[in-house]
Amino acid sequence: MNALQPQSPYSPPVRHLRTAPQPVQQKKRTPHRAIAIETTAKLAVNVVFSVAAVLTLIQLLPYCESQWTKLQEVKLEKLRASKRVDLLDLEFNRHFDPSQARVIMQEQSNRIGDQRQRIFFTNSAEAEGVAQTP
């Protein structure tokens, strides 16, 4: 089946007819149009990103303002605390100062120094038992 077929001794030559070349229609080349489309697409994407950024910033403004208020409150509280700490530090140093020990002992107890005497104020009329008349 796949046997070779004998070739015919005479095969007519194939004539190629020459045809006139047909004019090739040149497509309009528009490289500017492609660049314009690409540039327009880039601008559109950038505008969308810019609008999204501006809207996000607008939404963040109230949050920023509240954080600013909280920061001011924290600074004020820090100032108050530092004043209180300074007072407590002075008092702490005073309590551990040996030269102030006697004064602190007199402030916190009924003891007095050896060189001092207690003075009690009394109304002389009450001491004698006489009623005062206004």
C-alpha atoms as a PDB file:
ATOM      1  CA  MET A   1       0.000   0.000   0.000  1.00  0.00           C
ATOM      2  CA  ASN A   2       2.738   2.215   0.670  1.00  0.00           C
ATOM      3  CA  ALA A   3       4.506   1.102  -2.396  1.00  0.00           C
ATOM      4  CA  LEU A   4       6.187   3.670  -4.441  1.00  0.00           C
ATOM      5  CA  GLN A   5       4.217   4.780  -7.414  1.00  0.00           C
ATOM      6  CA  PRO A   6       6.117   4.898 -10.627  1.00  0.00           C
ATOM      7  CA  GLN A   7       6.661   8.433 -11.736  1.00  0.00           C
ATOM      8  CA  SER A   8       5.339   9.328 -15.037  1.00  0.00           C
ATOM      9  CA  PRO A   9       8.132   9.977 -17.396  1.00  0.00           C
ATOM     10  CA  TYR A  10       6.628  13.215 -18.567  1.00  0.00           C
ATOM     11  CA  SER A  11       5.207  15.780 -16.252  1.00  0.00           C
ATOM     12  CA  PRO A  12       4.083  18.994 -17.688  1.00  0.00           C
ATOM     13  CA  PRO A  13       5.978  21.942 -16.359  1.00  0.00           C
ATOM     14  CA  VAL A  14       4.050  24.071 -13.954  1.00  0.00           C
ATOM     15  CA  ARG A  15       3.755  27.529 -15.225  1.00  0.00           C
ATOM     16  CA  HIS A  16       3.797  30.256 -12.796  1.00  0.00           C
ATOM     17  CA  LEU A  17       1.911  33.134 -13.985  1.00  0.00           C
ATOM     18  CA  ARG A  18       3.310  36.408 -13.145  1.00  0.00           C
ATOM     19  CA  THR A  19       0.832  38.653 -11.649  1.00  0.00           C
ATOM     20  CA  ALA A  20       1.220  42.282 -11.137  1.00  0.00           C
ATOM     21  CA  PRO A  21       2.071  43.076  -7.564  1.00  0.00           C
ATOM     22  CA  GLN A  22      -0.930  44.416  -5.807  1.00  0.00           C
ATOM     23  CA  PRO A  23      -0.420  47.613  -3.943  1.00  0.00           C
ATOM     24  CA  VAL A  24      -0.126  46.906  -0.233  1.00  0.00           C
ATOM     25  CA  GLN A  25      -2.464  49.058   1.705  1.00  0.00           C
ATOM     26  CA  GLN A  26      -0.413  50.721   4.320  1.00  0.00           C
ATOM     27  CA  LYS A  27      -2.069  50.928   7.668  1.00  0.00           C
ATOM     28  CA  LYS A  28      -2.093  54.299   9.195  1.00  0.00           C
ATOM     29  CA  ARG A  29       0.592  54.282  11.727  1.00  0.00           C
ATOM     30  CA  THR A  30      -0.476  56.102  14.838  1.00  0.00           C
ATOM     31  CA  PRO A  31       2.265  55.851  17.409  1.00  0.00           C
ATOM     32  CA  HIS A  32       1.019  59.100  18.914  1.00  0.00           C
ATOM     33  CA  ARG A  33      -2.366  57.597  19.587  1.00  0.00           C
ATOM     34  CA  ALA A  34      -0.864  54.720  21.595  1.00  0.00           C
ATOM     35  CA  ILE A  35       1.245  57.129  23.637  1.00  0.00           C
ATOM     36  CA  ALA A  36      -1.794  59.327  24.225  1.00  0.00           C
ATOM     37  CA  ILE A  37      -3.854  56.351  25.458  1.00  0.00           C
ATOM     38  CA  GLU A  38      -1.037  55.213  27.752  1.00  0.00           C
ATOM     39  CA  THR A  39      -0.569  58.708  29.163  1.00  0.00           C
ATOM     40  CA  THR A  40      -4.317  59.096  29.708  1.00  0.00           C
ATOM     41  CA  ALA A  41      -4.439  55.774  31.546  1.00  0.00           C
ATOM     42  CA  LYS A  42      -1.525  56.800  33.770  1.00  0.00           C
ATOM     43  CA  LEU A  43      -3.156  60.129  34.547  1.00  0.00           C
ATOM     44  CA  ALA A  44      -6.464  58.438  35.372  1.00  0.00           C
ATOM     45  CA  VAL A  45      -4.783  56.008  37.771  1.00  0.00           C
ATOM     46  CA  ASN A  46      -2.845  58.824  39.428  1.00  0.00           C
ATOM     47  CA  VAL A  47      -5.991  60.917  39.816  1.00  0.00           C
ATOM     48  CA  VAL A  48      -7.773  57.970  41.451  1.00  0.00           C
ATOM     49  CA  PHE A  49      -4.850  57.479  43.845  1.00  0.00           C
ATOM     50  CA  SER A  50      -4.759  61.200  44.637  1.00  0.00           C
ATOM     51  CA  VAL A  51      -8.480  61.324  45.365  1.00  0.00           C
ATOM     52  CA  ALA A  52      -8.181  58.270  47.614  1.00  0.00           C
ATOM     53  CA  ALA A  53      -5.265  59.878  49.480  1.00  0.00           C
ATOM     54  CA  VAL A  54      -7.139  63.152  49.995  1.00  0.00           C
ATOM     55  CA  LEU A  55     -10.259  61.351  51.229  1.00  0.00           C
ATOM     56  CA  THR A  56      -8.171  59.318  53.651  1.00  0.00           C
ATOM     57  CA  LEU A  57      -6.522  62.465  54.995  1.00  0.00           C
ATOM     58  CA  ILE A  58      -9.914  64.108  55.445  1.00  0.00           C
ATOM     59  CA  GLN A  59     -11.084  61.102  57.459  1.00  0.00           C
ATOM     60  CA  LEU A  60      -7.927  61.215  59.601  1.00  0.00           C
ATOM     61  CA  LEU A  61      -8.312  64.874  60.609  1.00  0.00           C
ATOM     62  CA  PRO A  62     -10.807  64.255  63.474  1.00  0.00           C
ATOM     63  CA  TYR A  63      -8.634  61.418  64.787  1.00  0.00           C
ATOM     64  CA  CYS A  64      -5.559  63.648  64.636  1.00  0.00           C
ATOM     65  CA  GLU A  65      -7.375  66.404  66.516  1.00  0.00           C
ATOM     66  CA  SER A  66      -8.520  64.027  69.264  1.00  0.00           C
ATOM     67  CA  GLN A  67      -4.996  62.674  69.612  1.00  0.00           C
ATOM     68  CA  TRP A  68      -3.681  66.233  69.872  1.00  0.00           C
ATOM     69  CA  THR A  69      -6.165  66.954  72.677  1.00  0.00           C
ATOM     70  CA  LYS A  70      -5.142  63.790  74.519  1.00  0.00           C
ATOM     71  CA  LEU A  71      -1.485  64.757  74.139  1.00  0.00           C
ATOM     72  CA  GLN A  72      -2.160  68.165  75.700  1.00  0.00           C
ATOM     73  CA  GLU A  73      -3.969  66.482  78.613  1.00  0.00           C
ATOM     74  CA  VAL A  74      -1.077  64.085  79.134  1.00  0.00           C
ATOM     75  CA  LYS A  75       1.420  66.960  79.098  1.00  0.00           C
ATOM     76  CA  LEU A  76      -0.646  68.838  81.697  1.00  0.00           C
ATOM     77  CA  GLU A  77      -0.901  65.740  83.887  1.00  0.00           C
ATOM     78  CA  LYS A  78       2.859  65.206  83.561  1.00  0.00           C
ATOM     79  CA  LEU A  79       3.474  68.769  84.713  1.00  0.00           C
ATOM     80  CA  ARG A  80       1.216  68.273  87.744  1.00  0.00           C
ATOM     81  CA  ALA A  81       2.870  64.971  88.599  1.00  0.00           C
ATOM     82  CA  SER A  82       6.369  66.408  88.292  1.00  0.00           C
ATOM     83  CA  LYS A  83       5.446  69.227  90.705  1.00  0.00           C
ATOM     84  CA  ARG A  84       4.036  66.697  93.146  1.00  0.00           C
ATOM     85  CA  VAL A  85       7.142  64.514  92.817  1.00  0.00           C
ATOM     86  CA  ASP A  86       9.391  67.502  93.482  1.00  0.00           C
ATOM     87  CA  LEU A  87       7.455  68.311  96.681  1.00  0.00           C
ATOM     88  CA  LEU A  88       7.594  64.704  97.826  1.00  0.00           C
ATOM     89  CA  ASP A  89      11.306  64.557  97.053  1.00  0.00           C
ATOM     90  CA  LEU A  90      11.930  67.629  99.187  1.00  0.00           C
ATOM     91  CA  GLU A  91       9.891  66.159 102.024  1.00  0.00           C
ATOM     92  CA  PHE A  92      11.701  62.828 101.698  1.00  0.00           C
ATOM     93  CA  ASN A  93      15.086  64.532 101.858  1.00  0.00           C
ATOM     94  CA  ARG A  94      13.924  66.544 104.868  1.00  0.00           C
ATOM     95  CA  HIS A  95      12.871  63.401 106.746  1.00  0.00           C
ATOM     96  CA  PHE A  96      16.277  61.809 106.251  1.00  0.00           C
ATOM     97  CA  ASP A  97      18.286  64.914 107.051  1.00  0.00           C
ATOM     98  CA  PRO A  98      19.958  64.426 110.462  1.00  0.00           C
ATOM     99  CA  SER A  99      19.901  68.129 111.234  1.00  0.00           C
ATOM    100  CA  GLN A 100      16.115  68.185 110.820  1.00  0.00           C
ATOM    101  CA  ALA A 101      15.461  65.099 112.954  1.00  0.00           C
ATOM    102  CA  ARG A 102      14.721  67.069 116.141  1.00  0.00           C
ATOM    103  CA  VAL A 103      12.320  69.463 114.386  1.00  0.00           C
ATOM    104  CA  ILE A 104      10.446  66.599 112.727  1.00  0.00           C
ATOM    105  CA  MET A 105      10.231  64.752 116.051  1.00  0.00           C
ATOM    106  CA  GLN A 106       8.674  67.801 117.665  1.00  0.00           C
ATOM    107  CA  GLU A 107       6.189  68.205 114.803  1.00  0.00           C
ATOM    108  CA  GLN A 108       5.028  64.607 114.882  1.00  0.00           C
ATOM    109  CA  SER A 109       4.961  63.928 118.635  1.00  0.00           C
ATOM    110  CA  ASN A 110       4.325  65.609 121.930  1.00  0.00           C
ATOM    111  CA  ARG A 111       7.977  65.683 122.827  1.00  0.00           C
ATOM    112  CA  ILE A 112       9.798  68.942 123.049  1.00  0.00           C
ATOM    113  CA  GLY A 113      13.411  69.850 123.253  1.00  0.00           C
ATOM    114  CA  ASP A 114      15.279  70.116 126.539  1.00  0.00           C
ATOM    115  CA  GLN A 115      15.688  73.837 126.237  1.00  0.00           C
ATOM    116  CA  ARG A 116      11.996  74.506 125.634  1.00  0.00           C
ATOM    117  CA  GLN A 117       9.027  74.640 127.915  1.00  0.00           C
ATOM    118  CA  ARG A 118       5.420  74.178 127.036  1.00  0.00           C
ATOM    119  CA  ILE A 119       3.139  77.123 127.356  1.00  0.00           C
ATOM    120  CA  PHE A 120      -0.542  76.556 127.964  1.00  0.00           C
ATOM    121  CA  PHE A 121      -2.887  79.447 127.420  1.00  0.00           C
ATOM    122  CA  THR A 122      -5.818  79.589 129.765  1.00  0.00           C
ATOM    123  CA  ASN A 123      -8.516  82.104 130.283  1.00  0.00           C
ATOM    124  CA  SER A 124      -7.956  83.650 133.704  1.00  0.00           C
ATOM    125  CA  ALA A 125     -11.662  84.010 134.345  1.00  0.00           C
ATOM    126  CA  GLU A 126     -12.314  80.333 133.690  1.00  0.00           C
ATOM    127  CA  ALA A 127      -9.441  79.354 135.890  1.00  0.00           C
ATOM    128  CA  GLU A 128     -10.937  81.256 138.820  1.00  0.00           C
ATOM    129  CA  GLY A 129     -14.424  79.871 138.175  1.00  0.00           C
ATOM    130  CA  VAL A 130     -15.980  83.267 137.587  1.00  0.00           C
ATOM    131  CA  ALA A 131     -18.551  83.529 134.868  1.00  0.00           C
ATOM    132  CA  GLN A 132     -17.921  86.180 132.308  1.00  0.00           C
ATOM    133  CA  THR A 133     -20.642  88.463 131.191  1.00  0.00           C
ATOM    134  CA  PRO A 134     -20.540  89.762 127.697  1.00  0.00           C
END
